[in-house]
Amino acid sequence: MNSDQYHLCKIAEECAEVAQRALKAQQFGLQEVQAGQERNNLERLLSEFHDLVATFENFLSQVGKQQRVLPNHFQRQARLEKMEKFLNLAIRLNQVDADVSVRSKNSGQSECETKS
């Protein structure tokens, strides 16, 4: 296994850990604290996401790329529009409740947008 393969493997592992934490939060709720743990599911999900970002940033530095990891405003907007498109389809198919929204109800912006 060469360096790229190793780092890509680590990125895949972190993606799997983010997915696992998201599914646990979906199943048991964001505020649930698993027995033997100190942090709730939201805190653990955020921690796994930070691990993913750090791992990806490290990979980029290993391959000599100075690229932005987090999306800019336009990339965020494009992602939210795509999410809305498929959310609307899921609502029409009665697979998601009609009151679900991609954007924050207070400001019309996502949580990511309001913190950047």
PDB file of N, CA and C in Angstrom:
ATOM      1  N   MET A   1       0.855  -1.176   0.000  1.00  0.00           N
ATOM      2  CA  MET A   1       0.000   0.000   0.000  1.00  0.00           C
ATOM      3  C   MET A   1       0.897   1.233   0.000  1.00  0.00           C
ATOM      4  N   ASN A   2       0.658   2.124  -0.952  1.00  0.00           N
ATOM      5  CA  ASN A   2       1.459   3.354  -0.990  1.00  0.00           C
ATOM      6  C   ASN A   2       0.797   4.440  -0.133  1.00  0.00           C
ATOM      7  N   SER A   3       1.418   5.594  -0.079  1.00  0.00           N
ATOM      8  CA  SER A   3       0.950   6.677   0.780  1.00  0.00           C
ATOM      9  C   SER A   3      -0.464   7.135   0.405  1.00  0.00           C
ATOM     10  N   ASP A   4      -0.721   7.317  -0.881  1.00  0.00           N
ATOM     11  CA  ASP A   4      -2.068   7.737  -1.297  1.00  0.00           C
ATOM     12  C   ASP A   4      -3.110   6.714  -0.867  1.00  0.00           C
ATOM     13  N   GLN A   5      -2.818   5.445  -1.095  1.00  0.00           N
ATOM     14  CA  GLN A   5      -3.758   4.392  -0.727  1.00  0.00           C
ATOM     15  C   GLN A   5      -4.020   4.390   0.783  1.00  0.00           C
ATOM     16  N   TYR A   6      -2.969   4.557   1.567  1.00  0.00           N
ATOM     17  CA  TYR A   6      -3.121   4.593   3.022  1.00  0.00           C
ATOM     18  C   TYR A   6      -4.035   5.739   3.445  1.00  0.00           C
ATOM     19  N   HIS A   7      -3.754   6.944   2.926  1.00  0.00           N
ATOM     20  CA  HIS A   7      -4.539   8.109   3.328  1.00  0.00           C
ATOM     21  C   HIS A   7      -5.981   8.015   2.824  1.00  0.00           C
ATOM     22  N   LEU A   8      -6.183   7.478   1.638  1.00  0.00           N
ATOM     23  CA  LEU A   8      -7.543   7.281   1.133  1.00  0.00           C
ATOM     24  C   LEU A   8      -8.301   6.271   1.990  1.00  0.00           C
ATOM     25  N   CYS A   9      -7.608   5.243   2.448  1.00  0.00           N
ATOM     26  CA  CYS A   9      -8.209   4.269   3.365  1.00  0.00           C
ATOM     27  C   CYS A   9      -8.648   4.958   4.647  1.00  0.00           C
ATOM     28  N   LYS A  10      -7.827   5.835   5.183  1.00  0.00           N
ATOM     29  CA  LYS A  10      -8.160   6.557   6.416  1.00  0.00           C
ATOM     30  C   LYS A  10      -9.363   7.478   6.195  1.00  0.00           C
ATOM     31  N   ILE A  11      -9.428   8.120   5.020  1.00  0.00           N
ATOM     32  CA  ILE A  11     -10.588   8.965   4.704  1.00  0.00           C
ATOM     33  C   ILE A  11     -11.849   8.108   4.671  1.00  0.00           C
ATOM     34  N   ALA A  12     -11.777   6.952   4.023  1.00  0.00           N
ATOM     35  CA  ALA A  12     -12.939   6.055   3.950  1.00  0.00           C
ATOM     36  C   ALA A  12     -13.363   5.599   5.347  1.00  0.00           C
ATOM     37  N   GLU A  13     -12.397   5.276   6.200  1.00  0.00           N
ATOM     38  CA  GLU A  13     -12.717   4.874   7.571  1.00  0.00           C
ATOM     39  C   GLU A  13     -13.449   5.985   8.311  1.00  0.00           C
ATOM     40  N   GLU A  14     -12.960   7.211   8.168  1.00  0.00           N
ATOM     41  CA  GLU A  14     -13.602   8.333   8.861  1.00  0.00           C
ATOM     42  C   GLU A  14     -14.997   8.588   8.306  1.00  0.00           C
ATOM     43  N   CYS A  15     -15.181   8.432   6.994  1.00  0.00           N
ATOM     44  CA  CYS A  15     -16.524   8.581   6.413  1.00  0.00           C
ATOM     45  C   CYS A  15     -17.475   7.558   7.020  1.00  0.00           C
ATOM     46  N   ALA A  16     -17.001   6.326   7.175  1.00  0.00           N
ATOM     47  CA  ALA A  16     -17.823   5.269   7.768  1.00  0.00           C
ATOM     48  C   ALA A  16     -18.175   5.605   9.215  1.00  0.00           C
ATOM     49  N   GLU A  17     -17.239   6.185   9.946  1.00  0.00           N
ATOM     50  CA  GLU A  17     -17.502   6.551  11.336  1.00  0.00           C
ATOM     51  C   GLU A  17     -18.504   7.698  11.425  1.00  0.00           C
ATOM     52  N   VAL A  18     -18.427   8.656  10.511  1.00  0.00           N
ATOM     53  CA  VAL A  18     -19.422   9.733  10.470  1.00  0.00           C
ATOM     54  C   VAL A  18     -20.793   9.127  10.165  1.00  0.00           C
ATOM     55  N   ALA A  19     -20.849   8.228   9.193  1.00  0.00           N
ATOM     56  CA  ALA A  19     -22.124   7.592   8.840  1.00  0.00           C
ATOM     57  C   ALA A  19     -22.701   6.817  10.018  1.00  0.00           C
ATOM     58  N   GLN A  20     -21.863   6.076  10.709  1.00  0.00           N
ATOM     59  CA  GLN A  20     -22.332   5.309  11.864  1.00  0.00           C
ATOM     60  C   GLN A  20     -22.911   6.225  12.936  1.00  0.00           C
ATOM     61  N   ARG A  21     -22.221   7.314  13.238  1.00  0.00           N
ATOM     62  CA  ARG A  21     -22.684   8.246  14.262  1.00  0.00           C
ATOM     63  C   ARG A  21     -23.993   8.898  13.830  1.00  0.00           C
ATOM     64  N   ALA A  22     -24.123   9.245  12.556  1.00  0.00           N
ATOM     65  CA  ALA A  22     -25.357   9.859  12.056  1.00  0.00           C
ATOM     66  C   ALA A  22     -26.521   8.883  12.191  1.00  0.00           C
ATOM     67  N   LEU A  23     -26.281   7.618  11.872  1.00  0.00           N
ATOM     68  CA  LEU A  23     -27.344   6.619  11.991  1.00  0.00           C
ATOM     69  C   LEU A  23     -27.730   6.367  13.449  1.00  0.00           C
ATOM     70  N   LYS A  24     -26.757   6.384  14.347  1.00  0.00           N
ATOM     71  CA  LYS A  24     -27.060   6.232  15.775  1.00  0.00           C
ATOM     72  C   LYS A  24     -27.891   7.419  16.259  1.00  0.00           C
ATOM     73  N   ALA A  25     -27.536   8.608  15.834  1.00  0.00           N
ATOM     74  CA  ALA A  25     -28.295   9.805  16.223  1.00  0.00           C
ATOM     75  C   ALA A  25     -29.710   9.751  15.647  1.00  0.00           C
ATOM     76  N   GLN A  26     -29.847   9.258  14.423  1.00  0.00           N
ATOM     77  CA  GLN A  26     -31.166   9.123  13.821  1.00  0.00           C
ATOM     78  C   GLN A  26     -32.013   8.128  14.620  1.00  0.00           C
ATOM     79  N   GLN A  27     -31.406   7.029  15.005  1.00  0.00           N
ATOM     80  CA  GLN A  27     -32.137   5.977  15.691  1.00  0.00           C
ATOM     81  C   GLN A  27     -32.473   6.325  17.138  1.00  0.00           C
ATOM     82  N   PHE A  28     -31.506   6.922  17.855  1.00  0.00           N
ATOM     83  CA  PHE A  28     -31.682   7.128  19.290  1.00  0.00           C
ATOM     84  C   PHE A  28     -31.868   8.592  19.690  1.00  0.00           C
ATOM     85  N   GLY A  29     -31.686   9.520  18.749  1.00  0.00           N
ATOM     86  CA  GLY A  29     -31.849  10.938  19.044  1.00  0.00           C
ATOM     87  C   GLY A  29     -30.514  11.637  19.255  1.00  0.00           C
ATOM     88  N   LEU A  30     -30.505  12.925  18.999  1.00  0.00           N
ATOM     89  CA  LEU A  30     -29.279  13.710  19.100  1.00  0.00           C
ATOM     90  C   LEU A  30     -28.781  13.841  20.527  1.00  0.00           C
ATOM     91  N   GLN A  31     -29.690  13.892  21.485  1.00  0.00           N
ATOM     92  CA  GLN A  31     -29.306  14.152  22.870  1.00  0.00           C
ATOM     93  C   GLN A  31     -29.003  12.896  23.684  1.00  0.00           C
ATOM     94  N   GLU A  32     -29.252  11.712  23.115  1.00  0.00           N
ATOM     95  CA  GLU A  32     -29.022  10.467  23.846  1.00  0.00           C
ATOM     96  C   GLU A  32     -27.535  10.282  24.120  1.00  0.00           C
ATOM     97  N   VAL A  33     -27.224   9.839  25.323  1.00  0.00           N
ATOM     98  CA  VAL A  33     -25.852   9.530  25.719  1.00  0.00           C
ATOM     99  C   VAL A  33     -25.778   8.017  25.922  1.00  0.00           C
ATOM    100  N   GLN A  34     -24.973   7.382  25.103  1.00  0.00           N
ATOM    101  CA  GLN A  34     -24.817   5.934  25.181  1.00  0.00           C
ATOM    102  C   GLN A  34     -24.173   5.546  26.509  1.00  0.00           C
ATOM    103  N   ALA A  35     -24.574   4.420  27.055  1.00  0.00           N
ATOM    104  CA  ALA A  35     -24.008   3.935  28.313  1.00  0.00           C
ATOM    105  C   ALA A  35     -22.488   3.852  28.188  1.00  0.00           C
ATOM    106  N   GLY A  36     -21.798   4.395  29.176  1.00  0.00           N
ATOM    107  CA  GLY A  36     -20.335   4.376  29.179  1.00  0.00           C
ATOM    108  C   GLY A  36     -19.700   5.545  28.435  1.00  0.00           C
ATOM    109  N   GLN A  37     -20.515   6.399  27.853  1.00  0.00           N
ATOM    110  CA  GLN A  37     -20.011   7.566  27.129  1.00  0.00           C
ATOM    111  C   GLN A  37     -20.318   8.839  27.911  1.00  0.00           C
ATOM    112  N   GLU A  38     -19.536   9.878  27.654  1.00  0.00           N
ATOM    113  CA  GLU A  38     -19.777  11.163  28.322  1.00  0.00           C
ATOM    114  C   GLU A  38     -20.499  12.159  27.414  1.00  0.00           C
ATOM    115  N   ARG A  39     -20.380  11.961  26.107  1.00  0.00           N
ATOM    116  CA  ARG A  39     -20.951  12.920  25.157  1.00  0.00           C
ATOM    117  C   ARG A  39     -22.203  12.357  24.492  1.00  0.00           C
ATOM    118  N   ASN A  40     -23.109  13.264  24.091  1.00  0.00           N
ATOM    119  CA  ASN A  40     -24.324  12.827  23.415  1.00  0.00           C
ATOM    120  C   ASN A  40     -24.030  12.556  21.931  1.00  0.00           C
ATOM    121  N   ASN A  41     -25.041  12.055  21.226  1.00  0.00           N
ATOM    122  CA  ASN A  41     -24.841  11.661  19.831  1.00  0.00           C
ATOM    123  C   ASN A  41     -24.460  12.823  18.917  1.00  0.00           C
ATOM    124  N   LEU A  42     -25.010  14.003  19.164  1.00  0.00           N
ATOM    125  CA  LEU A  42     -24.640  15.161  18.341  1.00  0.00           C
ATOM    126  C   LEU A  42     -23.169  15.522  18.547  1.00  0.00           C
ATOM    127  N   GLU A  43     -22.741  15.535  19.796  1.00  0.00           N
ATOM    128  CA  GLU A  43     -21.336  15.848  20.088  1.00  0.00           C
ATOM    129  C   GLU A  43     -20.400  14.805  19.478  1.00  0.00           C
ATOM    130  N   ARG A  44     -20.780  13.554  19.544  1.00  0.00           N
ATOM    131  CA  ARG A  44     -19.953  12.492  18.974  1.00  0.00           C
ATOM    132  C   ARG A  44     -19.933  12.566  17.449  1.00  0.00           C
ATOM    133  N   LEU A  45     -21.074  12.913  16.839  1.00  0.00           N
ATOM    134  CA  LEU A  45     -21.128  13.087  15.384  1.00  0.00           C
ATOM    135  C   LEU A  45     -20.211  14.222  14.955  1.00  0.00           C
ATOM    136  N   LEU A  46     -20.263  15.329  15.657  1.00  0.00           N
ATOM    137  CA  LEU A  46     -19.403  16.467  15.334  1.00  0.00           C
ATOM    138  C   LEU A  46     -17.928  16.100  15.488  1.00  0.00           C
ATOM    139  N   SER A  47     -17.601  15.345  16.510  1.00  0.00           N
ATOM    140  CA  SER A  47     -16.226  14.901  16.713  1.00  0.00           C
ATOM    141  C   SER A  47     -15.746  14.023  15.554  1.00  0.00           C
ATOM    142  N   GLU A  48     -16.600  13.123  15.103  1.00  0.00           N
ATOM    143  CA  GLU A  48     -16.231  12.266  13.965  1.00  0.00           C
ATOM    144  C   GLU A  48     -16.071  13.101  12.691  1.00  0.00           C
ATOM    145  N   PHE A  49     -16.925  14.108  12.525  1.00  0.00           N
ATOM    146  CA  PHE A  49     -16.799  14.987  11.360  1.00  0.00           C
ATOM    147  C   PHE A  49     -15.474  15.744  11.404  1.00  0.00           C
ATOM    148  N   HIS A  50     -15.097  16.224  12.577  1.00  0.00           N
ATOM    149  CA  HIS A  50     -13.809  16.910  12.721  1.00  0.00           C
ATOM    150  C   HIS A  50     -12.654  15.980  12.383  1.00  0.00           C
ATOM    151  N   ASP A  51     -12.763  14.720  12.807  1.00  0.00           N
ATOM    152  CA  ASP A  51     -11.729  13.740  12.450  1.00  0.00           C
ATOM    153  C   ASP A  51     -11.639  13.572  10.940  1.00  0.00           C
ATOM    154  N   LEU A  52     -12.784  13.532  10.272  1.00  0.00           N
ATOM    155  CA  LEU A  52     -12.796  13.404   8.807  1.00  0.00           C
ATOM    156  C   LEU A  52     -12.131  14.601   8.149  1.00  0.00           C
ATOM    157  N   VAL A  53     -12.498  15.801   8.573  1.00  0.00           N
ATOM    158  CA  VAL A  53     -11.913  17.016   7.984  1.00  0.00           C
ATOM    159  C   VAL A  53     -10.408  17.045   8.210  1.00  0.00           C
ATOM    160  N   ALA A  54      -9.964  16.740   9.416  1.00  0.00           N
ATOM    161  CA  ALA A  54      -8.526  16.738   9.706  1.00  0.00           C
ATOM    162  C   ALA A  54      -7.793  15.696   8.857  1.00  0.00           C
ATOM    163  N   THR A  55      -8.402  14.526   8.706  1.00  0.00           N
ATOM    164  CA  THR A  55      -7.794  13.463   7.897  1.00  0.00           C
ATOM    165  C   THR A  55      -7.709  13.888   6.441  1.00  0.00           C
ATOM    166  N   PHE A  56      -8.757  14.522   5.936  1.00  0.00           N
ATOM    167  CA  PHE A  56      -8.763  14.969   4.539  1.00  0.00           C
ATOM    168  C   PHE A  56      -7.761  16.101   4.315  1.00  0.00           C
ATOM    169  N   GLU A  57      -7.713  17.037   5.247  1.00  0.00           N
ATOM    170  CA  GLU A  57      -6.722  18.124   5.137  1.00  0.00           C
ATOM    171  C   GLU A  57      -5.304  17.554   5.146  1.00  0.00           C
ATOM    172  N   ASN A  58      -5.062  16.577   5.986  1.00  0.00           N
ATOM    173  CA  ASN A  58      -3.745  15.949   6.028  1.00  0.00           C
ATOM    174  C   ASN A  58      -3.414  15.278   4.696  1.00  0.00           C
ATOM    175  N   PHE A  59      -4.383  14.581   4.122  1.00  0.00           N
ATOM    176  CA  PHE A  59      -4.180  13.950   2.814  1.00  0.00           C
ATOM    177  C   PHE A  59      -3.813  14.989   1.760  1.00  0.00           C
ATOM    178  N   LEU A  60      -4.549  16.094   1.737  1.00  0.00           N
ATOM    179  CA  LEU A  60      -4.249  17.143   0.755  1.00  0.00           C
ATOM    180  C   LEU A  60      -2.839  17.675   0.927  1.00  0.00           C
ATOM    181  N   SER A  61      -2.403  17.834   2.155  1.00  0.00           N
ATOM    182  CA  SER A  61      -1.037  18.317   2.372  1.00  0.00           C
ATOM    183  C   SER A  61      -0.019  17.263   1.927  1.00  0.00           C
ATOM    184  N   GLN A  62      -0.332  15.992   2.098  1.00  0.00           N
ATOM    185  CA  GLN A  62       0.558  14.911   1.662  1.00  0.00           C
ATOM    186  C   GLN A  62       0.741  14.894   0.147  1.00  0.00           C
ATOM    187  N   VAL A  63      -0.314  15.249  -0.581  1.00  0.00           N
ATOM    188  CA  VAL A  63      -0.230  15.243  -2.048  1.00  0.00           C
ATOM    189  C   VAL A  63       0.097  16.629  -2.604  1.00  0.00           C
ATOM    190  N   GLY A  64       0.420  17.561  -1.719  1.00  0.00           N
ATOM    191  CA  GLY A  64       0.874  18.878  -2.140  1.00  0.00           C
ATOM    192  C   GLY A  64      -0.210  19.790  -2.681  1.00  0.00           C
ATOM    193  N   LYS A  65      -1.427  19.599  -2.233  1.00  0.00           N
ATOM    194  CA  LYS A  65      -2.526  20.454  -2.692  1.00  0.00           C
ATOM    195  C   LYS A  65      -2.915  21.428  -1.591  1.00  0.00           C
ATOM    196  N   GLN A  66      -3.022  22.675  -1.955  1.00  0.00           N
ATOM    197  CA  GLN A  66      -3.471  23.712  -1.029  1.00  0.00           C
ATOM    198  C   GLN A  66      -4.885  24.099  -1.437  1.00  0.00           C
ATOM    199  N   GLN A  67      -5.833  23.234  -1.129  1.00  0.00           N
ATOM    200  CA  GLN A  67      -7.221  23.482  -1.503  1.00  0.00           C
ATOM    201  C   GLN A  67      -8.075  23.627  -0.264  1.00  0.00           C
ATOM    202  N   ARG A  68      -9.121  24.378  -0.413  1.00  0.00           N
ATOM    203  CA  ARG A  68     -10.082  24.596   0.659  1.00  0.00           C
ATOM    204  C   ARG A  68     -10.887  23.313   0.864  1.00  0.00           C
ATOM    205  N   VAL A  69     -11.017  22.883   2.103  1.00  0.00           N
ATOM    206  CA  VAL A  69     -11.761  21.667   2.406  1.00  0.00           C
ATOM    207  C   VAL A  69     -13.248  21.972   2.571  1.00  0.00           C
ATOM    208  N   LEU A  70     -13.568  23.015   3.309  1.00  0.00           N
ATOM    209  CA  LEU A  70     -14.963  23.353   3.545  1.00  0.00           C
ATOM    210  C   LEU A  70     -15.524  24.144   2.364  1.00  0.00           C
ATOM    211  N   PRO A  71     -16.794  23.958   2.066  1.00  0.00           N
ATOM    212  CA  PRO A  71     -17.388  24.624   0.901  1.00  0.00           C
ATOM    213  C   PRO A  71     -17.514  26.133   1.089  1.00  0.00           C
ATOM    214  N   ASN A  72     -17.366  26.857  -0.016  1.00  0.00           N
ATOM    215  CA  ASN A  72     -17.621  28.293   0.027  1.00  0.00           C
ATOM    216  C   ASN A  72     -19.127  28.539  -0.077  1.00  0.00           C
ATOM    217  N   HIS A  73     -19.535  29.788  -0.062  1.00  0.00           N
ATOM    218  CA  HIS A  73     -20.956  30.147  -0.085  1.00  0.00           C
ATOM    219  C   HIS A  73     -21.671  29.560  -1.296  1.00  0.00           C
ATOM    220  N   PHE A  74     -21.071  29.645  -2.467  1.00  0.00           N
ATOM    221  CA  PHE A  74     -21.721  29.184  -3.695  1.00  0.00           C
ATOM    222  C   PHE A  74     -21.838  27.656  -3.719  1.00  0.00           C
ATOM    223  N   GLN A  75     -20.814  26.973  -3.242  1.00  0.00           N
ATOM    224  CA  GLN A  75     -20.869  25.511  -3.161  1.00  0.00           C
ATOM    225  C   GLN A  75     -21.941  25.069  -2.165  1.00  0.00           C
ATOM    226  N   ARG A  76     -22.040  25.788  -1.053  1.00  0.00           N
ATOM    227  CA  ARG A  76     -23.058  25.496  -0.051  1.00  0.00           C
ATOM    228  C   ARG A  76     -24.460  25.682  -0.626  1.00  0.00           C
ATOM    229  N   GLN A  77     -24.643  26.797  -1.342  1.00  0.00           N
ATOM    230  CA  GLN A  77     -25.943  27.076  -1.958  1.00  0.00           C
ATOM    231  C   GLN A  77     -26.321  25.992  -2.952  1.00  0.00           C
ATOM    232  N   ALA A  78     -25.367  25.579  -3.781  1.00  0.00           N
ATOM    233  CA  ALA A  78     -25.630  24.530  -4.770  1.00  0.00           C
ATOM    234  C   ALA A  78     -26.021  23.232  -4.078  1.00  0.00           C
ATOM    235  N   ARG A  79     -25.347  22.912  -2.985  1.00  0.00           N
ATOM    236  CA  ARG A  79     -25.669  21.688  -2.249  1.00  0.00           C
ATOM    237  C   ARG A  79     -27.061  21.763  -1.641  1.00  0.00           C
ATOM    238  N   LEU A  80     -27.409  22.905  -1.056  1.00  0.00           N
ATOM    239  CA  LEU A  80     -28.734  23.055  -0.451  1.00  0.00           C
ATOM    240  C   LEU A  80     -29.838  22.961  -1.499  1.00  0.00           C
ATOM    241  N   GLU A  81     -29.593  23.538  -2.672  1.00  0.00           N
ATOM    242  CA  GLU A  81     -30.584  23.453  -3.755  1.00  0.00           C
ATOM    243  C   GLU A  81     -30.791  22.004  -4.193  1.00  0.00           C
ATOM    244  N   LYS A  82     -29.714  21.246  -4.285  1.00  0.00           N
ATOM    245  CA  LYS A  82     -29.820  19.840  -4.658  1.00  0.00           C
ATOM    246  C   LYS A  82     -30.568  19.055  -3.576  1.00  0.00           C
ATOM    247  N   MET A  83     -30.257  19.331  -2.320  1.00  0.00           N
ATOM    248  CA  MET A  83     -30.963  18.667  -1.222  1.00  0.00           C
ATOM    249  C   MET A  83     -32.458  18.991  -1.265  1.00  0.00           C
ATOM    250  N   GLU A  84     -32.798  20.252  -1.539  1.00  0.00           N
ATOM    251  CA  GLU A  84     -34.205  20.653  -1.611  1.00  0.00           C
ATOM    252  C   GLU A  84     -34.932  19.930  -2.742  1.00  0.00           C
ATOM    253  N   LYS A  85     -34.263  19.798  -3.874  1.00  0.00           N
ATOM    254  CA  LYS A  85     -34.864  19.106  -5.018  1.00  0.00           C
ATOM    255  C   LYS A  85     -35.256  17.682  -4.631  1.00  0.00           C
ATOM    256  N   PHE A  86     -34.340  16.961  -4.010  1.00  0.00           N
ATOM    257  CA  PHE A  86     -34.624  15.574  -3.667  1.00  0.00           C
ATOM    258  C   PHE A  86     -35.511  15.444  -2.436  1.00  0.00           C
ATOM    259  N   LEU A  87     -35.463  16.410  -1.538  1.00  0.00           N
ATOM    260  CA  LEU A  87     -36.394  16.423  -0.410  1.00  0.00           C
ATOM    261  C   LEU A  87     -37.816  16.571  -0.930  1.00  0.00           C
ATOM    262  N   ASN A  88     -38.023  17.476  -1.867  1.00  0.00           N
ATOM    263  CA  ASN A  88     -39.360  17.680  -2.428  1.00  0.00           C
ATOM    264  C   ASN A  88     -39.880  16.413  -3.098  1.00  0.00           C
ATOM    265  N   LEU A  89     -39.008  15.699  -3.791  1.00  0.00           N
ATOM    266  CA  LEU A  89     -39.411  14.433  -4.395  1.00  0.00           C
ATOM    267  C   LEU A  89     -39.819  13.435  -3.307  1.00  0.00           C
ATOM    268  N   ALA A  90     -39.005  13.329  -2.258  1.00  0.00           N
ATOM    269  CA  ALA A  90     -39.309  12.401  -1.171  1.00  0.00           C
ATOM    270  C   ALA A  90     -40.627  12.759  -0.482  1.00  0.00           C
ATOM    271  N   ILE A  91     -40.911  14.044  -0.351  1.00  0.00           N
ATOM    272  CA  ILE A  91     -42.179  14.490   0.240  1.00  0.00           C
ATOM    273  C   ILE A  91     -43.338  14.099  -0.671  1.00  0.00           C
ATOM    274  N   ARG A  92     -43.182  14.343  -1.986  1.00  0.00           N
ATOM    275  CA  ARG A  92     -44.243  13.974  -2.931  1.00  0.00           C
ATOM    276  C   ARG A  92     -44.515  12.472  -2.913  1.00  0.00           C
ATOM    277  N   LEU A  93     -43.494  11.677  -2.655  1.00  0.00           N
ATOM    278  CA  LEU A  93     -43.632  10.219  -2.601  1.00  0.00           C
ATOM    279  C   LEU A  93     -44.061   9.722  -1.213  1.00  0.00           C
ATOM    280  N   ASN A  94     -44.351  10.679  -0.310  1.00  0.00           N
ATOM    281  CA  ASN A  94     -44.777  10.368   1.063  1.00  0.00           C
ATOM    282  C   ASN A  94     -43.741   9.558   1.835  1.00  0.00           C
ATOM    283  N   GLN A  95     -42.477   9.812   1.571  1.00  0.00           N
ATOM    284  CA  GLN A  95     -41.409   9.133   2.296  1.00  0.00           C
ATOM    285  C   GLN A  95     -40.809  10.019   3.389  1.00  0.00           C
ATOM    286  N   VAL A  96     -41.097  11.318   3.309  1.00  0.00           N
ATOM    287  CA  VAL A  96     -40.610  12.286   4.295  1.00  0.00           C
ATOM    288  C   VAL A  96     -41.783  13.183   4.659  1.00  0.00           C
ATOM    289  N   ASP A  97     -41.891  13.538   5.933  1.00  0.00           N
ATOM    290  CA  ASP A  97     -42.965  14.416   6.384  1.00  0.00           C
ATOM    291  C   ASP A  97     -42.899  15.762   5.665  1.00  0.00           C
ATOM    292  N   ALA A  98     -44.066  16.325   5.392  1.00  0.00           N
ATOM    293  CA  ALA A  98     -44.159  17.572   4.637  1.00  0.00           C
ATOM    294  C   ALA A  98     -43.551  18.768   5.364  1.00  0.00           C
ATOM    295  N   ASP A  99     -43.397  18.703   6.685  1.00  0.00           N
ATOM    296  CA  ASP A  99     -42.859  19.847   7.432  1.00  0.00           C
ATOM    297  C   ASP A  99     -41.330  19.835   7.519  1.00  0.00           C
ATOM    298  N   VAL A 100     -40.670  18.844   6.904  1.00  0.00           N
ATOM    299  CA  VAL A 100     -39.207  18.786   6.904  1.00  0.00           C
ATOM    300  C   VAL A 100     -38.665  19.842   5.951  1.00  0.00           C
ATOM    301  N   SER A 101     -37.583  20.506   6.353  1.00  0.00           N
ATOM    302  CA  SER A 101     -36.997  21.573   5.554  1.00  0.00           C
ATOM    303  C   SER A 101     -35.481  21.440   5.531  1.00  0.00           C
ATOM    304  N   VAL A 102     -34.880  21.838   4.436  1.00  0.00           N
ATOM    305  CA  VAL A 102     -33.419  21.847   4.321  1.00  0.00           C
ATOM    306  C   VAL A 102     -32.853  23.074   5.011  1.00  0.00           C
ATOM    307  N   ARG A 103     -33.533  24.188   4.863  1.00  0.00           N
ATOM    308  CA  ARG A 103     -33.030  25.458   5.400  1.00  0.00           C
ATOM    309  C   ARG A 103     -33.674  25.762   6.751  1.00  0.00           C
ATOM    310  N   SER A 104     -32.947  26.510   7.566  1.00  0.00           N
ATOM    311  CA  SER A 104     -33.432  26.903   8.884  1.00  0.00           C
ATOM    312  C   SER A 104     -34.717  27.698   8.737  1.00  0.00           C
ATOM    313  N   LYS A 105     -35.688  27.404   9.565  1.00  0.00           N
ATOM    314  CA  LYS A 105     -36.978  28.091   9.483  1.00  0.00           C
ATOM    315  C   LYS A 105     -36.892  29.548   9.927  1.00  0.00           C
ATOM    316  N   ASN A 106     -35.917  29.890  10.773  1.00  0.00           N
ATOM    317  CA  ASN A 106     -35.800  31.268  11.294  1.00  0.00           C
ATOM    318  C   ASN A 106     -35.298  32.233  10.231  1.00  0.00           C
ATOM    319  N   SER A 107     -34.273  31.841   9.494  1.00  0.00           N
ATOM    320  CA  SER A 107     -33.604  32.811   8.643  1.00  0.00           C
ATOM    321  C   SER A 107     -33.623  32.459   7.170  1.00  0.00           C
ATOM    322  N   GLY A 108     -34.100  31.276   6.828  1.00  0.00           N
ATOM    323  CA  GLY A 108     -34.047  30.866   5.439  1.00  0.00           C
ATOM    324  C   GLY A 108     -32.654  30.371   5.050  1.00  0.00           C
ATOM    325  N   GLN A 109     -31.749  30.269   6.025  1.00  0.00           N
ATOM    326  CA  GLN A 109     -30.391  29.801   5.760  1.00  0.00           C
ATOM    327  C   GLN A 109     -30.148  28.528   6.538  1.00  0.00           C
ATOM    328  N   SER A 110     -29.180  27.763   6.061  1.00  0.00           N
ATOM    329  CA  SER A 110     -28.813  26.555   6.795  1.00  0.00           C
ATOM    330  C   SER A 110     -27.993  26.948   8.007  1.00  0.00           C
ATOM    331  N   GLU A 111     -27.844  26.008   8.928  1.00  0.00           N
ATOM    332  CA  GLU A 111     -27.007  26.242  10.101  1.00  0.00           C
ATOM    333  C   GLU A 111     -25.586  26.567   9.673  1.00  0.00           C
ATOM    334  N   CYS A 112     -25.096  25.896   8.644  1.00  0.00           N
ATOM    335  CA  CYS A 112     -23.745  26.158   8.166  1.00  0.00           C
ATOM    336  C   CYS A 112     -23.604  27.602   7.706  1.00  0.00           C
ATOM    337  N   GLU A 113     -24.614  28.090   6.990  1.00  0.00           N
ATOM    338  CA  GLU A 113     -24.547  29.441   6.472  1.00  0.00           C
ATOM    339  C   GLU A 113     -24.540  30.474   7.592  1.00  0.00           C
ATOM    340  N   THR A 114     -25.300  30.226   8.638  1.00  0.00           N
ATOM    341  CA  THR A 114     -25.408  31.236   9.686  1.00  0.00           C
ATOM    342  C   THR A 114     -24.146  31.308  10.535  1.00  0.00           C
ATOM    343  N   LYS A 115     -23.309  30.271  10.466  1.00  0.00           N
ATOM    344  CA  LYS A 115     -22.095  30.251  11.291  1.00  0.00           C
ATOM    345  C   LYS A 115     -20.844  30.596  10.506  1.00  0.00           C
ATOM    346  N   SER A 116     -20.957  30.839   9.232  1.00  0.00           N
ATOM    347  CA  SER A 116     -19.756  31.140   8.446  1.00  0.00           C
ATOM    348  C   SER A 116     -19.617  32.609   8.164  1.00  0.00           C
TER     349      SER A 116
END
